[in-house]
N, C-alpha and C. Protein backbone atom coordinates (compact mmCIF):
# COMPACT_ATOMS: atom_id res chain seq x y z
N MET A 1 11.33 30.06 3.92
CA MET A 1 11.47 28.64 4.14
C MET A 1 10.70 28.26 5.40
N SER A 2 9.91 27.19 5.30
CA SER A 2 9.15 26.72 6.46
C SER A 2 10.04 25.90 7.37
N SER A 3 9.55 25.61 8.56
CA SER A 3 10.29 24.81 9.52
C SER A 3 10.38 23.37 9.04
N PRO A 4 11.49 22.71 9.31
CA PRO A 4 11.63 21.30 8.92
C PRO A 4 10.60 20.42 9.63
N ILE A 5 10.09 19.43 8.90
CA ILE A 5 9.12 18.48 9.44
C ILE A 5 9.78 17.10 9.43
N VAL A 6 9.75 16.44 10.58
CA VAL A 6 10.31 15.10 10.68
C VAL A 6 9.33 14.10 10.08
N ILE A 7 9.82 13.22 9.23
CA ILE A 7 9.01 12.18 8.61
C ILE A 7 9.39 10.86 9.26
N HIS A 8 8.39 10.08 9.67
CA HIS A 8 8.63 8.78 10.28
C HIS A 8 7.52 7.82 9.91
N THR A 9 7.89 6.57 9.68
CA THR A 9 6.92 5.52 9.46
C THR A 9 7.43 4.22 10.07
N ASP A 10 6.53 3.43 10.60
CA ASP A 10 6.87 2.10 11.11
C ASP A 10 7.02 1.10 9.97
N GLN A 11 6.70 1.50 8.73
CA GLN A 11 6.81 0.62 7.57
C GLN A 11 8.25 0.54 7.03
N ALA A 12 9.15 1.31 7.64
CA ALA A 12 10.57 1.29 7.28
C ALA A 12 11.37 1.15 8.58
N PRO A 13 12.60 0.66 8.48
CA PRO A 13 13.40 0.50 9.69
C PRO A 13 13.57 1.80 10.47
N ALA A 14 13.52 1.70 11.77
CA ALA A 14 13.78 2.85 12.63
C ALA A 14 15.24 3.27 12.46
N ALA A 15 15.51 4.51 12.74
CA ALA A 15 16.88 5.02 12.65
C ALA A 15 17.80 4.24 13.59
N LEU A 16 19.00 3.95 13.12
CA LEU A 16 19.98 3.23 13.93
C LEU A 16 20.81 4.18 14.79
N GLY A 17 20.60 5.46 14.63
CA GLY A 17 21.41 6.44 15.36
C GLY A 17 20.66 7.75 15.51
N THR A 18 21.42 8.81 15.61
CA THR A 18 20.87 10.13 15.86
C THR A 18 20.53 10.83 14.54
N TYR A 19 19.50 10.33 13.87
CA TYR A 19 19.02 10.93 12.63
C TYR A 19 17.55 10.55 12.44
N SER A 20 16.91 11.23 11.51
CA SER A 20 15.52 10.96 11.18
C SER A 20 15.45 10.15 9.88
N GLN A 21 14.36 9.42 9.69
CA GLN A 21 14.19 8.69 8.42
C GLN A 21 14.19 9.68 7.26
N ALA A 22 13.56 10.82 7.46
CA ALA A 22 13.53 11.87 6.44
C ALA A 22 13.15 13.19 7.09
N ILE A 23 13.49 14.26 6.41
CA ILE A 23 13.12 15.62 6.82
C ILE A 23 12.52 16.31 5.60
N ARG A 24 11.35 16.92 5.82
CA ARG A 24 10.72 17.68 4.74
C ARG A 24 10.86 19.17 5.03
N VAL A 25 11.29 19.92 4.01
CA VAL A 25 11.36 21.37 4.07
C VAL A 25 10.71 21.88 2.80
N ASP A 26 9.58 22.55 2.97
CA ASP A 26 8.79 23.02 1.83
C ASP A 26 8.48 21.82 0.92
N SER A 27 8.85 21.88 -0.35
CA SER A 27 8.51 20.79 -1.26
C SER A 27 9.63 19.75 -1.40
N LEU A 28 10.70 19.89 -0.63
CA LEU A 28 11.81 18.94 -0.69
C LEU A 28 11.79 17.99 0.49
N VAL A 29 12.05 16.72 0.21
CA VAL A 29 12.14 15.70 1.26
C VAL A 29 13.50 15.05 1.12
N PHE A 30 14.25 15.06 2.22
CA PHE A 30 15.60 14.50 2.26
C PHE A 30 15.52 13.16 2.99
N LEU A 31 15.67 12.06 2.24
CA LEU A 31 15.62 10.72 2.82
C LEU A 31 17.02 10.33 3.29
N SER A 32 17.11 9.92 4.55
CA SER A 32 18.38 9.42 5.07
C SER A 32 18.76 8.14 4.35
N GLY A 33 20.02 7.75 4.49
CA GLY A 33 20.49 6.52 3.87
C GLY A 33 19.67 5.33 4.31
N SER A 34 19.31 4.51 3.35
CA SER A 34 18.49 3.32 3.61
C SER A 34 19.31 2.07 3.29
N LEU A 35 19.31 1.14 4.24
CA LEU A 35 19.94 -0.15 4.05
C LEU A 35 18.86 -1.17 3.68
N GLY A 36 19.28 -2.33 3.26
CA GLY A 36 18.34 -3.40 2.92
C GLY A 36 17.93 -4.19 4.15
N MET A 37 17.37 -3.49 5.13
CA MET A 37 16.98 -4.11 6.39
C MET A 37 15.48 -4.37 6.43
N ASP A 38 15.12 -5.47 7.04
CA ASP A 38 13.72 -5.77 7.30
C ASP A 38 13.24 -4.79 8.37
N PRO A 39 12.11 -4.10 8.14
CA PRO A 39 11.64 -3.10 9.11
C PRO A 39 11.29 -3.67 10.49
N GLN A 40 10.90 -4.94 10.56
CA GLN A 40 10.53 -5.53 11.84
C GLN A 40 11.74 -6.05 12.62
N THR A 41 12.64 -6.75 11.95
CA THR A 41 13.76 -7.38 12.65
C THR A 41 14.99 -6.49 12.72
N LEU A 42 15.05 -5.47 11.87
CA LEU A 42 16.21 -4.59 11.72
C LEU A 42 17.47 -5.36 11.32
N GLU A 43 17.27 -6.50 10.69
CA GLU A 43 18.38 -7.30 10.17
C GLU A 43 18.41 -7.15 8.65
N LEU A 44 19.62 -7.23 8.07
CA LEU A 44 19.74 -7.19 6.62
C LEU A 44 19.06 -8.41 6.02
N VAL A 45 18.39 -8.21 4.89
CA VAL A 45 17.79 -9.35 4.20
C VAL A 45 18.89 -10.18 3.57
N GLU A 46 18.63 -11.45 3.40
CA GLU A 46 19.61 -12.34 2.79
C GLU A 46 19.47 -12.30 1.28
N GLY A 47 20.56 -12.57 0.58
CA GLY A 47 20.51 -12.62 -0.87
C GLY A 47 21.46 -11.66 -1.55
N GLY A 48 22.32 -11.01 -0.79
CA GLY A 48 23.34 -10.15 -1.39
C GLY A 48 22.83 -8.81 -1.88
N ILE A 49 23.60 -8.24 -2.80
CA ILE A 49 23.35 -6.88 -3.28
C ILE A 49 21.95 -6.70 -3.85
N GLU A 50 21.48 -7.63 -4.65
CA GLU A 50 20.16 -7.44 -5.27
C GLU A 50 19.05 -7.44 -4.24
N ALA A 51 19.05 -8.40 -3.33
CA ALA A 51 18.01 -8.47 -2.31
C ALA A 51 18.07 -7.25 -1.39
N GLN A 52 19.29 -6.84 -1.02
CA GLN A 52 19.42 -5.68 -0.15
C GLN A 52 18.99 -4.40 -0.86
N ALA A 53 19.34 -4.25 -2.12
CA ALA A 53 18.92 -3.05 -2.85
C ALA A 53 17.40 -3.00 -3.01
N GLU A 54 16.79 -4.13 -3.34
CA GLU A 54 15.32 -4.16 -3.45
C GLU A 54 14.66 -3.78 -2.13
N GLN A 55 15.18 -4.30 -1.02
CA GLN A 55 14.60 -3.96 0.28
C GLN A 55 14.84 -2.49 0.62
N ALA A 56 16.01 -1.98 0.29
CA ALA A 56 16.28 -0.56 0.53
C ALA A 56 15.29 0.31 -0.24
N PHE A 57 15.00 -0.05 -1.49
CA PHE A 57 14.02 0.72 -2.26
C PHE A 57 12.62 0.60 -1.64
N ARG A 58 12.24 -0.59 -1.14
CA ARG A 58 10.94 -0.73 -0.46
C ARG A 58 10.89 0.17 0.77
N ASN A 59 11.98 0.20 1.52
CA ASN A 59 12.03 1.05 2.71
C ASN A 59 11.92 2.52 2.34
N MET A 60 12.63 2.91 1.28
CA MET A 60 12.56 4.30 0.83
C MET A 60 11.16 4.67 0.35
N GLU A 61 10.51 3.74 -0.35
CA GLU A 61 9.14 3.98 -0.81
C GLU A 61 8.21 4.22 0.37
N ALA A 62 8.38 3.45 1.44
CA ALA A 62 7.53 3.62 2.63
C ALA A 62 7.74 5.00 3.24
N VAL A 63 8.98 5.45 3.32
CA VAL A 63 9.27 6.78 3.88
C VAL A 63 8.74 7.85 2.94
N ALA A 64 8.91 7.66 1.63
CA ALA A 64 8.39 8.63 0.66
C ALA A 64 6.87 8.76 0.80
N ARG A 65 6.17 7.63 0.95
CA ARG A 65 4.71 7.67 1.13
C ARG A 65 4.35 8.43 2.41
N ALA A 66 5.11 8.21 3.48
CA ALA A 66 4.83 8.91 4.75
C ALA A 66 5.01 10.42 4.58
N ALA A 67 5.84 10.82 3.62
CA ALA A 67 6.05 12.25 3.36
C ALA A 67 5.05 12.81 2.36
N GLY A 68 4.19 11.94 1.81
CA GLY A 68 3.20 12.39 0.84
C GLY A 68 3.64 12.24 -0.60
N GLY A 69 4.66 11.43 -0.84
CA GLY A 69 5.15 11.25 -2.20
C GLY A 69 5.40 9.80 -2.53
N SER A 70 6.29 9.57 -3.49
CA SER A 70 6.67 8.22 -3.89
C SER A 70 8.07 8.30 -4.49
N LEU A 71 8.62 7.14 -4.84
CA LEU A 71 9.93 7.13 -5.47
C LEU A 71 9.92 7.83 -6.82
N ALA A 72 8.76 7.97 -7.43
CA ALA A 72 8.65 8.70 -8.69
C ALA A 72 8.99 10.18 -8.52
N ASP A 73 8.99 10.66 -7.27
CA ASP A 73 9.31 12.06 -6.98
C ASP A 73 10.80 12.29 -6.73
N MET A 74 11.63 11.23 -6.84
CA MET A 74 13.06 11.38 -6.61
C MET A 74 13.70 12.25 -7.67
N VAL A 75 14.51 13.21 -7.23
CA VAL A 75 15.26 14.04 -8.16
C VAL A 75 16.76 13.81 -8.03
N LYS A 76 17.21 13.25 -6.90
CA LYS A 76 18.64 13.00 -6.68
C LYS A 76 18.79 11.77 -5.80
N MET A 77 19.72 10.91 -6.17
CA MET A 77 20.00 9.70 -5.41
C MET A 77 21.52 9.57 -5.27
N THR A 78 21.94 9.16 -4.09
CA THR A 78 23.34 8.82 -3.86
C THR A 78 23.40 7.38 -3.41
N VAL A 79 24.27 6.60 -4.06
CA VAL A 79 24.39 5.17 -3.80
C VAL A 79 25.78 4.89 -3.25
N PHE A 80 25.83 4.18 -2.14
CA PHE A 80 27.09 3.78 -1.53
C PHE A 80 27.18 2.26 -1.63
N LEU A 81 28.20 1.77 -2.31
CA LEU A 81 28.38 0.34 -2.52
C LEU A 81 29.60 -0.14 -1.75
N GLN A 82 29.46 -1.28 -1.10
CA GLN A 82 30.62 -1.86 -0.44
C GLN A 82 31.64 -2.34 -1.48
N ASP A 83 31.14 -2.73 -2.65
CA ASP A 83 32.02 -3.20 -3.73
C ASP A 83 31.51 -2.63 -5.06
N ILE A 84 32.33 -1.81 -5.71
CA ILE A 84 31.91 -1.18 -6.96
C ILE A 84 31.61 -2.22 -8.04
N LYS A 85 32.08 -3.44 -7.87
CA LYS A 85 31.76 -4.51 -8.81
C LYS A 85 30.26 -4.82 -8.81
N ASP A 86 29.54 -4.37 -7.78
CA ASP A 86 28.09 -4.57 -7.70
C ASP A 86 27.30 -3.50 -8.45
N PHE A 87 28.01 -2.58 -9.11
CA PHE A 87 27.36 -1.45 -9.79
C PHE A 87 26.32 -1.92 -10.81
N GLN A 88 26.67 -2.89 -11.65
CA GLN A 88 25.75 -3.36 -12.68
C GLN A 88 24.54 -4.05 -12.06
N ALA A 89 24.76 -4.86 -11.04
CA ALA A 89 23.64 -5.53 -10.36
C ALA A 89 22.71 -4.49 -9.74
N PHE A 90 23.29 -3.43 -9.16
CA PHE A 90 22.46 -2.37 -8.59
C PHE A 90 21.64 -1.70 -9.68
N ASN A 91 22.26 -1.42 -10.83
CA ASN A 91 21.53 -0.79 -11.94
C ASN A 91 20.33 -1.62 -12.35
N GLN A 92 20.48 -2.94 -12.38
CA GLN A 92 19.37 -3.81 -12.75
C GLN A 92 18.23 -3.72 -11.74
N VAL A 93 18.56 -3.67 -10.46
CA VAL A 93 17.53 -3.52 -9.44
C VAL A 93 16.86 -2.16 -9.57
N MET A 94 17.65 -1.13 -9.76
CA MET A 94 17.09 0.22 -9.89
C MET A 94 16.13 0.29 -11.07
N ALA A 95 16.46 -0.35 -12.16
CA ALA A 95 15.58 -0.34 -13.34
C ALA A 95 14.24 -1.02 -13.04
N ARG A 96 14.25 -2.00 -12.13
CA ARG A 96 12.99 -2.66 -11.73
C ARG A 96 12.20 -1.83 -10.73
N CYS A 97 12.90 -1.10 -9.86
CA CYS A 97 12.25 -0.39 -8.75
C CYS A 97 11.87 1.06 -9.08
N CYS A 98 12.48 1.63 -10.09
CA CYS A 98 12.25 3.03 -10.45
C CYS A 98 11.85 3.11 -11.92
N LYS A 99 11.13 4.14 -12.23
CA LYS A 99 10.69 4.35 -13.61
C LYS A 99 11.31 5.63 -14.16
N PRO A 100 11.56 5.68 -15.47
CA PRO A 100 12.05 6.92 -16.08
C PRO A 100 11.03 8.04 -15.92
N PRO A 101 11.43 9.26 -15.85
CA PRO A 101 12.82 9.68 -15.91
C PRO A 101 13.53 9.38 -14.57
N TYR A 102 14.69 8.78 -14.67
CA TYR A 102 15.45 8.44 -13.47
C TYR A 102 16.03 9.70 -12.84
N PRO A 103 16.24 9.67 -11.53
CA PRO A 103 16.82 10.85 -10.87
C PRO A 103 18.29 11.01 -11.23
N ALA A 104 18.81 12.19 -11.01
CA ALA A 104 20.26 12.38 -11.06
C ALA A 104 20.84 11.45 -9.99
N ARG A 105 22.04 10.92 -10.27
CA ARG A 105 22.57 9.92 -9.34
C ARG A 105 24.08 9.93 -9.34
N SER A 106 24.64 9.63 -8.19
CA SER A 106 26.07 9.34 -8.10
C SER A 106 26.20 8.05 -7.30
N ALA A 107 27.30 7.33 -7.54
CA ALA A 107 27.54 6.07 -6.84
C ALA A 107 29.01 5.99 -6.46
N PHE A 108 29.26 5.47 -5.28
CA PHE A 108 30.62 5.39 -4.75
C PHE A 108 30.86 4.03 -4.11
N GLN A 109 32.08 3.56 -4.19
CA GLN A 109 32.49 2.44 -3.36
C GLN A 109 33.01 3.04 -2.06
N VAL A 110 32.60 2.45 -0.95
CA VAL A 110 33.02 2.94 0.37
C VAL A 110 33.73 1.82 1.11
N ALA A 111 34.49 2.18 2.12
CA ALA A 111 35.27 1.20 2.88
C ALA A 111 34.37 0.26 3.68
N ALA A 112 33.27 0.79 4.21
CA ALA A 112 32.36 -0.03 5.00
C ALA A 112 31.03 0.69 5.15
N LEU A 113 29.99 -0.08 5.41
CA LEU A 113 28.65 0.45 5.65
C LEU A 113 28.13 -0.12 6.96
N PRO A 114 27.16 0.56 7.59
CA PRO A 114 26.58 0.02 8.82
C PRO A 114 26.09 -1.41 8.61
N LYS A 115 26.24 -2.24 9.60
CA LYS A 115 25.80 -3.64 9.59
C LYS A 115 26.49 -4.46 8.50
N ASN A 116 27.59 -3.93 7.96
CA ASN A 116 28.30 -4.60 6.87
C ASN A 116 27.41 -4.79 5.64
N ALA A 117 26.53 -3.84 5.40
CA ALA A 117 25.60 -3.89 4.28
C ALA A 117 26.35 -3.80 2.95
N ALA A 118 25.73 -4.33 1.91
CA ALA A 118 26.29 -4.27 0.56
C ALA A 118 26.00 -2.92 -0.10
N VAL A 119 24.91 -2.25 0.32
CA VAL A 119 24.50 -1.01 -0.33
C VAL A 119 23.74 -0.14 0.65
N GLU A 120 23.88 1.17 0.49
CA GLU A 120 23.08 2.17 1.20
C GLU A 120 22.68 3.21 0.17
N ILE A 121 21.42 3.66 0.24
CA ILE A 121 20.90 4.62 -0.74
C ILE A 121 20.27 5.79 0.00
N GLU A 122 20.62 7.00 -0.40
CA GLU A 122 19.93 8.19 0.12
C GLU A 122 19.35 8.94 -1.06
N ALA A 123 18.34 9.75 -0.80
CA ALA A 123 17.67 10.43 -1.92
C ALA A 123 17.04 11.74 -1.50
N VAL A 124 16.76 12.56 -2.49
CA VAL A 124 16.00 13.79 -2.32
C VAL A 124 14.78 13.70 -3.21
N LEU A 125 13.62 14.01 -2.65
CA LEU A 125 12.36 14.04 -3.40
C LEU A 125 11.94 15.49 -3.56
N ALA A 126 11.28 15.79 -4.66
CA ALA A 126 10.65 17.09 -4.89
C ALA A 126 9.16 16.84 -5.06
N LEU A 127 8.38 17.31 -4.10
CA LEU A 127 6.92 17.06 -4.13
C LEU A 127 6.18 18.27 -4.66
């Protein structure tokens, strides 16, 4: 196993804490949780779950590109929803932002997310 490589891009929001946007180890890239934040203002985009999910996918795509891949390389995704009632709306956004074959995925309702976000998405890419 090679040494971990830190992945960073200014095209996605900077980390809000003590973590990296992504870490690459060999052909795997582990993307940290992404919120629907504007990369410049670090504020959540307006428009609820759909707008936040679309922005989170844009942010993830930017980090994936910085790692040498794209969202098409996703093999696993974990979705954290503030309200599980948003599950269907999230699925609709995912269908627009990702192409088949879709990655393996799990989704959970959580008590709270940073910045009171509606959704947070983390993923693993295989390059």
